C-alpha atoms as a PDB file:
ATOM      1  CA  MET A   1      10.684  -4.550  12.641  1.00  0.00           C
ATOM      2  CA  SER A   2       7.439  -2.863  13.651  1.00  0.00           C
ATOM      3  CA  LEU A   3       5.372  -0.216  11.941  1.00  0.00           C
ATOM      4  CA  THR A   4       6.105   3.353  12.873  1.00  0.00           C
ATOM      5  CA  LEU A   5       2.737   5.079  12.772  1.00  0.00           C
ATOM      6  CA  THR A   6       4.397   8.309  11.779  1.00  0.00           C
ATOM      7  CA  ALA A   7       6.076   6.747   8.737  1.00  0.00           C
ATOM      8  CA  PRO A   8       6.015   9.398   6.031  1.00  0.00           C
ATOM      9  CA  ALA A   9       4.184   8.686   2.837  1.00  0.00           C
ATOM     10  CA  THR A  10       7.321   9.967   1.079  1.00  0.00           C
ATOM     11  CA  ALA A  11       8.988   6.666   2.035  1.00  0.00           C
ATOM     12  CA  LEU A  12       6.820   5.158  -0.698  1.00  0.00           C
ATOM     13  CA  ALA A  13       7.011   5.742  -4.440  1.00  0.00           C
ATOM     14  CA  PRO A  14       4.010   7.556  -5.937  1.00  0.00           C
ATOM     15  CA  ARG A  15       2.627   4.389  -7.558  1.00  0.00           C
ATOM     16  CA  GLU A  16       3.043   2.501  -4.275  1.00  0.00           C
ATOM     17  CA  GLN A  17       1.064   5.247  -2.539  1.00  0.00           C
ATOM     18  CA  GLU A  18      -1.614   5.010  -5.215  1.00  0.00           C
ATOM     19  CA  ALA A  19      -1.863   1.229  -4.853  1.00  0.00           C
ATOM     20  CA  LEU A  20      -2.065   1.545  -1.075  1.00  0.00           C
ATOM     21  CA  ARG A  21      -4.779   4.193  -1.427  1.00  0.00           C
ATOM     22  CA  TYR A  22      -6.918   1.817  -3.540  1.00  0.00           C
ATOM     23  CA  ILE A  23      -6.445  -1.072  -1.123  1.00  0.00           C
ATOM     24  CA  ALA A  24      -7.245   1.170   1.849  1.00  0.00           C
ATOM     25  CA  ALA A  25     -10.434   2.230   0.047  1.00  0.00           C
ATOM     26  CA  GLY A  26     -11.502  -1.417  -0.015  1.00  0.00           C
ATOM     27  CA  CYS A  27     -10.546  -2.344  -3.571  1.00  0.00           C
ATOM     28  CA  THR A  28      -9.245  -5.795  -4.391  1.00  0.00           C
ATOM     29  CA  TYR A  29      -5.857  -6.177  -6.075  1.00  0.00           C
ATOM     30  CA  VAL A  30      -7.669  -6.756  -9.383  1.00  0.00           C
ATOM     31  CA  GLN A  31      -9.821  -3.631  -8.982  1.00  0.00           C
ATOM     32  CA  ALA A  32      -6.784  -1.542  -8.033  1.00  0.00           C
ATOM     33  CA  ALA A  33      -4.875  -2.912 -11.011  1.00  0.00           C
ATOM     34  CA  ARG A  34      -7.693  -2.068 -13.424  1.00  0.00           C
ATOM     35  CA  SER A  35      -7.998   1.448 -12.019  1.00  0.00           C
ATOM     36  CA  MET A  36      -4.247   1.973 -12.292  1.00  0.00           C
ATOM     37  CA  GLY A  37      -3.986   0.395 -15.754  1.00  0.00           C
ATOM     38  CA  LEU A  38      -1.671  -2.341 -14.472  1.00  0.00           C
ATOM     39  CA  SER A  39      -1.654  -6.087 -14.022  1.00  0.00           C
ATOM     40  CA  ARG A  40      -2.685  -7.648 -10.731  1.00  0.00           C
ATOM     41  CA  HIS A  41       0.872  -8.927 -10.396  1.00  0.00           C
ATOM     42  CA  THR A  42       2.307  -5.416 -10.574  1.00  0.00           C
ATOM     43  CA  VAL A  43      -0.039  -4.217  -7.835  1.00  0.00           C
ATOM     44  CA  ASP A  44       0.925  -7.261  -5.781  1.00  0.00           C
ATOM     45  CA  ALA A  45       4.607  -6.342  -6.255  1.00  0.00           C
ATOM     46  CA  TYR A  46       3.916  -2.757  -5.124  1.00  0.00           C
ATOM     47  CA  LEU A  47       2.186  -4.001  -1.997  1.00  0.00           C
ATOM     48  CA  ARG A  48       5.019  -6.437  -1.219  1.00  0.00           C
ATOM     49  CA  ARG A  49       7.478  -3.538  -1.462  1.00  0.00           C
ATOM     50  CA  ILE A  50       5.262  -1.419   0.803  1.00  0.00           C
ATOM     51  CA  ARG A  51       5.243  -4.186   3.398  1.00  0.00           C
ATOM     52  CA  ALA A  52       9.031  -4.485   3.204  1.00  0.00           C
ATOM     53  CA  LYS A  53       9.652  -0.726   3.384  1.00  0.00           C
ATOM     54  CA  LEU A  54       7.312  -0.226   6.339  1.00  0.00           C
ATOM     55  CA  GLY A  55       8.100  -3.504   8.097  1.00  0.00           C
ATOM     56  CA  ILE A  56       4.500  -4.694   8.159  1.00  0.00           C
ATOM     57  CA  ASN A  57       3.054  -8.149   7.654  1.00  0.00           C
ATOM     58  CA  THR A  58      -0.722  -8.038   7.781  1.00  0.00           C
ATOM     59  CA  SER A  59      -3.504  -6.320   5.880  1.00  0.00           C
ATOM     60  CA  ALA A  60      -4.636  -4.660   9.101  1.00  0.00           C
ATOM     61  CA  GLU A  61      -1.190  -3.105   9.540  1.00  0.00           C
ATOM     62  CA  MET A  62      -1.294  -1.949   5.929  1.00  0.00           C
ATOM     63  CA  MET A  63      -4.649  -0.245   6.532  1.00  0.00           C
ATOM     64  CA  ARG A  64      -3.318   1.388   9.692  1.00  0.00           C
ATOM     65  CA  ALA A  65      -0.278   2.645   7.771  1.00  0.00           C
ATOM     66  CA  ALA A  66      -2.488   4.111   5.042  1.00  0.00           C
ATOM     67  CA  ILE A  67      -4.604   5.905   7.603  1.00  0.00           C
ATOM     68  CA  SER A  68      -1.608   7.231   9.508  1.00  0.00           C
ATOM     69  CA  MET A  69      -0.143   8.579   6.245  1.00  0.00           C
ATOM     70  CA  GLY A  70      -3.392  10.259   5.311  1.00  0.00           C
ATOM     71  CA  LEU A  71      -3.893   8.092   2.257  1.00  0.00           C
END
């Protein structure tokens, strides 16, 4: 499955969008977790779900998805 660049941000839960926003801003998983008041493992789980929902595999695709969603 390939990334649809017009994938709506509404396909993601609010916390998934927030995690993606931090990663797209250049934060590490640990930095995103601290900012969100979560564990690194929870942020990792959010990002795994994002990849599954959007059908993406790489960090570059994740960044492209964030940009296309306006995050």
